Amino acid sequence: METQELIRIKSDKVIDERPKETQESIRIKSDKLIDGRARYCPESLLAAKIAFIDLKSGQILELITSHEDCKVDVPKWAKAKGHEYLGFVEDSGYYRFYLKKA
């Protein structure tokens, strides 16, 4: 899969939970992509859970969804399961979430 690039800039469209001084350009190569834009948040999250079964430790999942509720649900689920939540980017009415399997 091709490398995805996240640009961490001071903007309303880029969301990063790290302190502002540590936000910088980074590259994230996602190992699996789930496009959940046509699904509600619970369905997108379920698809991500199923995708995680096939991933190996350290691999990265990219989840695309158009539902704002996922901004709360996805990091909460990742933390509960011990996976690393890498953040998300808001882009043209949808969100790209990045998660690293524990």
Foldseek 3Di string as FASTA:
>chain_A
DDKDWDAFDPDPQFDFPDPNVPHGTDIGRAPEEAEQAVDELVVQVVVVVVVLVPDDAFHKYKGKYLYPVCQPVVVVVCVVQVKDWGGWGGDDRMIITMIGHD
